[in-house]
Amino acid sequence: MTIPLTRELIERAPKVLLHDHLDGGLRPATVVELAREIGYSSLPTSDPAELAAWFVADEPGGDLVRYLEGFAHTTAVMQTRDQLERVASECALDLARDGVVYAEVRFAPELHTRARLTHAEVVTAVLAGFTHGTAAARHEGHTIIVRTILSAMRQAHLSEEIAALAVAFRDEGVCGFDIAGPEDGFPPTHHLRAFHLIQRENFHLTIHAGEAFGLPSIWEAVQFCDAERLGHGVRIVDDIIHHGDDDVVLGRLANYVRDRRIPLEVCPTSNVHTGAARSIAEHPIELLRRLRFRVCVNTDNRLMSGITLSDEFAACAEAFDWTLADMEWLTLNAAKSTFYPFDQRLALINQVIKPGFASLAATGRADR
């Protein structure tokens, strides 16, 4: 029996989030309050509701560079231990309240050193915040696991140092390494020493690729850098040729990505805001789902896009008539693709996700 994916089912479903930026998910009220405390006067408004609207003011068809401008404000209020702990704690709690049971939240330590924190002190503060936030969520009756991916900025020259930092904190809650920032003009091959360090240490690697730049970025990420996952990766559709609804031909790179089950950390709303897709209805996630790529649904930047993970699923469900079974398949894709140890990954799938969706399916059948 096909069960329509309602908003209630989406919110109740156990969700897995693999691509979410810490500095892109602050509460607007927190930005305002922290800015006031440190005398930061560059915010466009001090009204939380107006500020929330400003952050998501991008029109569909914008560009990634414009989308990234808002981070100047969020990173400005994330420069001390207390600020970082608070933001990370609120992040964990907000995700848990949305029904996320497992999240890998990424951030770039190099963006949080203006108050002279070391990179290690930045990471320690964020990890402490996630611990506080998961405890607060548990007190409210929510269970969530939050782990961390350290990102290095493409346009900087600290990737090898950040990669070493990620390895140093691998037993403290850091689960992987990433590069982020503008793709065009800053190919992943500029950071090969960092990637080789990660590979030598048997650690985990995801790379922002195939969002603002096309197939060459994806090809370099998987061939030169051996990325385990692709951050966004939606431009893989440039290697898929349509001859009709049921006549689709995959190019060699698209076949390779699908055959190797390389996960695509797709962020539909963000992709619309940055111009990677013209609308949710025209977003390639549905094609990639039907072609059985290892695709999963993510938020990218909850503040900049004004969304939650439940919002992402709801928008896609409306556009593509997704069912509860479709959401379960996408969630299992995400769970299978986590940088979580294998035994714990299986426990997450078999003890949390599958039972959660089975319960929802039973409820859905009873309601019908």
Protein backbone atom coordinates (compact mmCIF):
# COMPACT_ATOMS: atom_id res chain seq x y z
CA MET A 1 0.00 0.00 0.00
CA THR A 2 1.37 3.39 -1.00
CA ILE A 3 1.27 5.88 1.87
CA PRO A 4 1.31 9.57 0.90
CA LEU A 5 4.03 11.59 2.59
CA THR A 6 2.23 14.10 4.78
CA ARG A 7 3.85 16.86 6.80
CA GLU A 8 2.96 15.03 10.03
CA LEU A 9 4.69 11.84 8.88
CA ILE A 10 7.75 13.80 7.75
CA GLU A 11 8.13 15.52 11.09
CA ARG A 12 7.70 12.26 13.02
CA ALA A 13 10.07 10.26 10.83
CA PRO A 14 13.63 9.59 12.04
CA LYS A 15 15.91 11.65 9.79
CA VAL A 16 19.62 11.60 8.95
CA LEU A 17 21.50 14.74 7.93
CA LEU A 18 24.93 14.58 6.29
CA HIS A 19 25.41 18.08 4.86
CA ASP A 20 24.74 20.96 7.23
CA HIS A 21 27.01 23.95 7.95
CA LEU A 22 27.26 25.14 11.54
CA ASP A 23 27.76 28.77 10.53
CA GLY A 24 24.80 28.50 8.16
CA GLY A 25 22.29 27.38 10.76
CA LEU A 26 22.25 29.94 13.56
CA ARG A 27 19.03 31.14 15.11
CA PRO A 28 18.38 34.74 13.96
CA ALA A 29 17.70 35.80 17.55
CA THR A 30 21.08 34.38 18.57
CA VAL A 31 22.85 36.35 15.84
CA VAL A 32 21.20 39.55 17.06
CA GLU A 33 21.93 38.87 20.72
CA LEU A 34 25.57 37.92 20.20
CA ALA A 35 26.11 40.89 17.87
CA ARG A 36 24.75 43.22 20.55
CA GLU A 37 27.01 41.67 23.20
CA ILE A 38 30.21 42.24 21.18
CA GLY A 39 29.22 45.55 19.62
CA TYR A 40 29.01 44.19 16.10
CA SER A 41 27.10 46.85 14.17
CA SER A 42 27.13 45.54 10.61
CA LEU A 43 23.91 43.53 10.72
CA PRO A 44 21.32 44.81 8.21
CA THR A 45 18.73 44.84 11.02
CA SER A 46 18.55 44.05 14.73
CA ASP A 47 15.03 42.64 14.49
CA PRO A 48 15.25 38.80 14.51
CA ALA A 49 12.27 38.31 12.17
CA GLU A 50 13.55 40.89 9.69
CA LEU A 51 17.04 39.41 9.90
CA ALA A 52 15.69 35.92 9.18
CA ALA A 53 13.98 37.30 6.07
CA TRP A 54 17.16 39.10 4.99
CA PHE A 55 19.21 35.93 5.13
CA VAL A 56 16.82 34.12 2.78
CA ALA A 57 16.28 37.10 0.47
CA ASP A 58 18.10 35.41 -2.40
CA GLU A 59 15.87 34.89 -5.40
CA PRO A 60 15.90 31.61 -7.31
CA GLY A 61 18.62 31.73 -9.91
CA GLY A 62 21.10 33.58 -7.73
CA ASP A 63 24.72 32.59 -7.45
CA LEU A 64 26.91 30.91 -4.87
CA VAL A 65 29.09 33.98 -4.25
CA ARG A 66 26.03 36.09 -3.31
CA TYR A 67 24.69 33.24 -1.18
CA LEU A 68 27.92 33.14 0.81
CA GLU A 69 27.76 36.84 1.79
CA GLY A 70 25.57 36.15 4.83
CA PHE A 71 28.34 34.14 6.43
CA ALA A 72 30.24 37.34 7.19
CA HIS A 73 27.59 38.07 9.81
CA THR A 74 27.31 34.60 11.31
CA THR A 75 31.05 34.03 11.60
CA ALA A 76 31.43 37.48 13.18
CA VAL A 77 29.50 36.25 16.22
CA MET A 78 31.29 32.86 16.40
CA GLN A 79 34.74 33.88 17.60
CA THR A 80 34.90 32.97 21.31
CA ARG A 81 34.54 29.70 23.20
CA ASP A 82 31.22 30.74 24.70
CA GLN A 83 29.82 31.86 21.33
CA LEU A 84 30.88 28.66 19.60
CA GLU A 85 29.54 26.45 22.39
CA ARG A 86 26.20 28.24 22.36
CA VAL A 87 25.79 28.04 18.58
CA ALA A 88 26.74 24.35 18.50
CA SER A 89 24.44 23.53 21.42
CA GLU A 90 21.49 25.27 19.78
CA CYS A 91 22.27 23.53 16.50
CA ALA A 92 22.07 20.08 18.09
CA LEU A 93 18.86 20.93 19.92
CA ASP A 94 17.19 22.44 16.85
CA LEU A 95 18.02 19.39 14.74
CA ALA A 96 16.73 17.04 17.42
CA ARG A 97 13.47 18.97 17.68
CA ASP A 98 13.06 18.45 13.92
CA GLY A 99 13.35 14.68 14.30
CA VAL A 100 16.96 14.32 13.15
CA VAL A 101 18.45 11.28 14.90
CA TYR A 102 21.92 11.48 13.39
CA ALA A 103 23.75 14.51 11.98
CA GLU A 104 27.20 15.31 10.66
CA VAL A 105 27.60 19.06 10.99
CA ARG A 106 30.56 20.74 9.32
CA PHE A 107 32.44 23.96 9.92
CA ALA A 108 35.77 25.59 9.01
CA PRO A 109 37.94 26.22 12.10
CA GLU A 110 39.97 28.83 10.21
CA LEU A 111 36.93 31.15 10.14
CA HIS A 112 36.71 31.38 13.94
CA THR A 113 40.14 32.59 15.08
CA ARG A 114 39.73 36.40 15.13
CA ALA A 115 39.64 36.38 18.94
CA ARG A 116 42.92 34.44 18.84
CA LEU A 117 41.52 31.02 19.54
CA THR A 118 43.68 28.29 18.11
CA HIS A 119 42.15 25.88 15.63
CA ALA A 120 42.20 23.17 18.30
CA GLU A 121 40.42 25.46 20.78
CA VAL A 122 37.75 26.19 18.17
CA VAL A 123 37.12 22.48 17.63
CA THR A 124 37.06 21.78 21.37
CA ALA A 125 34.45 24.51 21.92
CA VAL A 126 32.20 23.24 19.13
CA LEU A 127 32.40 19.65 20.34
CA ALA A 128 31.52 20.79 23.87
CA GLY A 129 28.53 22.64 22.46
CA PHE A 130 27.28 19.56 20.65
CA THR A 131 27.59 17.58 23.89
CA HIS A 132 25.53 20.18 25.74
CA GLY A 133 22.95 20.32 22.96
CA THR A 134 22.46 16.56 22.76
CA ALA A 135 22.01 16.48 26.54
CA ALA A 136 19.42 19.26 26.34
CA ALA A 137 17.64 17.35 23.57
CA ARG A 138 17.63 14.19 25.67
CA HIS A 139 16.09 16.15 28.54
CA GLU A 140 13.26 17.12 26.16
CA GLY A 141 12.77 13.51 25.10
CA HIS A 142 14.73 13.61 21.82
CA THR A 143 17.63 11.35 20.92
CA ILE A 144 20.28 12.62 18.51
CA ILE A 145 23.89 11.83 17.66
CA VAL A 146 25.87 14.80 16.34
CA ARG A 147 29.31 14.34 14.84
CA THR A 148 31.55 16.85 13.13
CA ILE A 149 33.27 17.29 9.77
CA LEU A 150 36.09 19.83 9.59
CA SER A 151 36.15 21.91 6.41
CA ALA A 152 39.07 23.76 4.87
CA MET A 153 38.35 26.73 2.64
CA ARG A 154 39.25 26.22 -1.02
CA GLN A 155 40.51 29.77 -1.49
CA ALA A 156 42.89 29.55 1.50
CA HIS A 157 46.04 27.54 2.06
CA LEU A 158 45.35 25.76 5.33
CA SER A 159 43.86 22.51 4.07
CA GLU A 160 46.76 20.29 5.15
CA GLU A 161 46.72 21.80 8.65
CA ILE A 162 42.93 21.36 8.94
CA ALA A 163 43.17 17.79 7.68
CA ALA A 164 45.74 17.01 10.37
CA LEU A 165 43.46 18.66 12.93
CA ALA A 166 40.54 16.48 11.85
CA VAL A 167 42.66 13.36 12.31
CA ALA A 168 43.84 14.58 15.72
CA PHE A 169 40.22 14.87 16.92
CA ARG A 170 38.93 11.69 15.27
CA ASP A 171 38.29 10.02 18.64
CA GLU A 172 36.64 13.12 20.12
CA GLY A 173 33.73 13.47 17.70
CA VAL A 174 35.26 14.62 14.40
CA CYS A 175 34.33 12.07 11.74
CA GLY A 176 35.70 13.49 8.48
CA PHE A 177 37.35 16.19 6.40
CA ASP A 178 35.95 18.42 3.66
CA ILE A 179 36.83 21.40 1.50
CA ALA A 180 34.25 24.16 1.03
CA GLY A 181 33.90 27.61 -0.51
CA PRO A 182 33.78 28.76 -4.15
CA GLU A 183 34.38 25.93 -6.62
CA ASP A 184 35.11 27.90 -9.78
CA GLY A 185 38.82 28.69 -9.91
CA PHE A 186 39.65 26.63 -6.82
CA PRO A 187 39.72 22.98 -7.91
CA PRO A 188 40.11 20.19 -5.36
CA THR A 189 43.46 19.25 -6.89
CA HIS A 190 44.92 22.35 -5.21
CA HIS A 191 44.54 20.44 -1.93
CA LEU A 192 45.97 17.06 -2.80
CA ARG A 193 48.44 17.05 0.10
CA ALA A 194 45.55 17.35 2.52
CA PHE A 195 43.61 14.56 0.84
CA HIS A 196 46.65 12.29 0.80
CA LEU A 197 47.10 12.90 4.53
CA ILE A 198 43.49 11.84 5.13
CA GLN A 199 43.98 8.73 3.01
CA ARG A 200 47.21 7.75 4.77
CA GLU A 201 45.43 8.01 8.11
CA ASN A 202 42.52 5.85 6.95
CA PHE A 203 40.11 8.68 7.65
CA HIS A 204 36.98 9.93 5.90
CA LEU A 205 36.69 12.46 3.10
CA THR A 206 33.82 14.35 1.48
CA ILE A 207 34.33 17.17 -1.02
CA HIS A 208 32.06 20.01 -2.13
CA ALA A 209 31.89 19.31 -5.85
CA GLY A 210 29.35 19.60 -8.64
CA GLU A 211 27.34 22.51 -7.22
CA ALA A 212 28.55 25.79 -8.72
CA PHE A 213 30.95 24.09 -11.13
CA GLY A 214 30.31 21.11 -13.33
CA LEU A 215 31.61 17.70 -14.29
CA PRO A 216 35.35 18.53 -14.09
CA SER A 217 34.93 19.29 -10.38
CA ILE A 218 33.21 15.96 -9.77
CA TRP A 219 35.75 14.06 -11.89
CA GLU A 220 38.68 15.52 -9.96
CA ALA A 221 36.99 14.83 -6.62
CA VAL A 222 36.44 11.14 -7.33
CA GLN A 223 39.50 10.38 -9.47
CA PHE A 224 42.32 12.50 -8.05
CA CYS A 225 41.05 12.91 -4.49
CA ASP A 226 39.16 9.63 -3.97
CA ALA A 227 36.21 11.36 -2.27
CA GLU A 228 33.92 8.98 -0.42
CA ARG A 229 30.97 11.39 -0.79
CA LEU A 230 30.19 14.41 -2.95
CA GLY A 231 28.89 17.56 -1.30
CA HIS A 232 25.93 18.44 -3.56
CA GLY A 233 27.10 16.62 -6.71
CA VAL A 234 23.94 17.61 -8.59
CA ARG A 235 25.84 18.61 -11.72
CA ILE A 236 26.33 14.92 -12.40
CA VAL A 237 23.13 15.36 -14.42
CA ASP A 238 25.26 17.14 -17.02
CA ASP A 239 26.48 13.63 -17.88
CA ILE A 240 22.97 12.23 -18.30
CA ILE A 241 21.25 12.51 -21.69
CA HIS A 242 17.46 12.45 -22.04
CA HIS A 243 15.83 11.02 -25.15
CA GLY A 244 12.42 10.90 -23.47
CA ASP A 245 10.92 10.10 -20.08
CA ASP A 246 11.91 6.45 -20.21
CA ASP A 247 15.00 6.78 -22.42
CA VAL A 248 17.93 8.05 -20.37
CA VAL A 249 21.59 7.46 -21.19
CA LEU A 250 24.28 7.83 -18.54
CA GLY A 251 27.73 9.03 -19.52
CA ARG A 252 30.85 7.32 -18.24
CA LEU A 253 31.31 9.57 -15.20
CA ALA A 254 27.63 9.30 -14.18
CA ASN A 255 27.82 5.52 -14.55
CA TYR A 256 30.99 5.44 -12.47
CA VAL A 257 29.46 7.50 -9.66
CA ARG A 258 26.31 5.37 -9.63
CA ASP A 259 28.13 2.04 -9.95
CA ARG A 260 30.47 2.86 -7.06
CA ARG A 261 27.50 4.05 -4.97
CA ILE A 262 29.24 7.37 -4.27
CA PRO A 263 26.76 9.29 -2.10
CA LEU A 264 25.44 12.63 -3.34
CA GLU A 265 24.74 15.03 -0.45
CA VAL A 266 21.97 16.89 -2.26
CA CYS A 267 20.56 20.13 -0.80
CA PRO A 268 17.53 21.08 -2.94
CA THR A 269 16.50 24.47 -1.48
CA SER A 270 20.07 25.70 -1.28
CA ASN A 271 20.62 24.63 -4.89
CA VAL A 272 17.68 26.78 -5.96
CA HIS A 273 18.99 29.77 -4.02
CA THR A 274 22.50 29.45 -5.49
CA GLY A 275 21.27 28.89 -9.03
CA ALA A 276 22.25 25.24 -9.30
CA ALA A 277 18.55 24.48 -9.99
CA ARG A 278 15.77 26.78 -11.18
CA SER A 279 13.13 25.45 -8.80
CA ILE A 280 12.40 22.48 -6.55
CA ALA A 281 10.11 21.07 -9.24
CA GLU A 282 12.98 21.21 -11.74
CA HIS A 283 15.62 19.96 -9.33
CA PRO A 284 17.46 16.84 -10.55
CA ILE A 285 17.05 15.00 -7.25
CA GLU A 286 13.96 13.22 -8.55
CA LEU A 287 15.77 12.01 -11.67
CA LEU A 288 18.72 10.89 -9.56
CA ARG A 289 16.36 9.09 -7.20
CA ARG A 290 14.58 7.29 -10.03
CA LEU A 291 17.92 6.29 -11.54
CA ARG A 292 18.91 4.91 -8.13
CA PHE A 293 21.97 7.04 -7.47
CA ARG A 294 23.00 7.01 -3.80
CA VAL A 295 21.25 10.32 -3.22
CA CYS A 296 20.12 11.78 0.11
CA VAL A 297 18.33 14.95 1.22
CA ASN A 298 20.15 17.68 3.18
CA THR A 299 19.74 21.26 4.36
CA ASP A 300 23.15 22.86 3.64
CA ASN A 301 22.44 26.15 5.46
CA ARG A 302 19.23 26.25 7.46
CA LEU A 303 19.44 29.98 8.21
CA MET A 304 20.38 31.10 4.69
CA SER A 305 17.64 28.99 3.14
CA GLY A 306 15.07 29.39 5.92
CA ILE A 307 14.42 25.66 6.14
CA THR A 308 14.61 22.54 8.26
CA LEU A 309 15.20 19.01 7.04
CA SER A 310 11.47 18.41 7.40
CA ASP A 311 10.88 21.44 5.15
CA GLU A 312 13.22 19.95 2.53
CA PHE A 313 11.33 16.66 2.48
CA ALA A 314 7.97 18.42 2.44
CA ALA A 315 8.93 20.59 -0.54
CA CYS A 316 10.22 17.60 -2.50
CA ALA A 317 7.24 15.44 -1.53
CA GLU A 318 4.89 18.10 -2.90
CA ALA A 319 6.89 18.52 -6.10
CA PHE A 320 7.49 14.84 -6.83
CA ASP A 321 4.65 13.01 -5.04
CA TRP A 322 7.05 11.18 -2.78
CA THR A 323 5.62 8.50 -0.55
CA LEU A 324 6.66 7.35 2.91
CA ALA A 325 8.58 4.52 1.23
CA ASP A 326 10.51 7.05 -0.87
CA MET A 327 11.47 9.00 2.26
CA GLU A 328 12.59 5.79 3.96
CA TRP A 329 14.75 4.87 0.95
CA LEU A 330 16.40 8.30 0.92
CA THR A 331 16.94 8.20 4.69
CA LEU A 332 18.50 4.75 4.50
CA ASN A 333 20.79 6.07 1.76
CA ALA A 334 21.96 8.75 4.15
CA ALA A 335 22.37 6.31 7.04
CA LYS A 336 24.40 3.91 4.90
CA SER A 337 26.64 6.80 3.84
CA THR A 338 27.50 8.18 7.27
CA PHE A 339 31.06 8.34 8.56
CA TYR A 340 29.89 6.27 11.51
CA PRO A 341 31.64 2.98 12.43
CA PHE A 342 29.98 0.04 10.71
CA ASP A 343 28.49 -1.66 13.77
CA GLN A 344 27.03 1.62 15.02
CA ARG A 345 25.73 2.40 11.55
CA LEU A 346 23.91 -0.92 11.46
CA ALA A 347 22.46 -0.26 14.90
CA LEU A 348 21.24 3.16 13.75
CA ILE A 349 19.56 1.56 10.73
CA ASN A 350 18.12 -1.54 12.40
CA GLN A 351 17.21 -0.15 15.81
CA VAL A 352 16.15 3.42 14.98
CA ILE A 353 15.40 4.13 11.33
CA LYS A 354 13.69 0.95 10.13
CA PRO A 355 11.54 0.55 13.26
CA GLY A 356 10.66 4.24 13.11
CA PHE A 357 9.43 4.02 9.54
CA ALA A 358 7.66 0.71 10.19
CA SER A 359 5.71 2.37 12.99
CA LEU A 360 4.80 5.29 10.74
CA ALA A 361 3.73 2.91 7.98
CA ALA A 362 1.45 1.08 10.38
CA THR A 363 -0.05 4.39 11.46
CA GLY A 364 -0.49 5.45 7.86
CA ARG A 365 -2.26 2.23 6.93
CA ALA A 366 -4.53 2.48 9.95
CA ASP A 367 -5.44 6.06 9.06
CA ARG A 368 -6.51 4.92 5.61
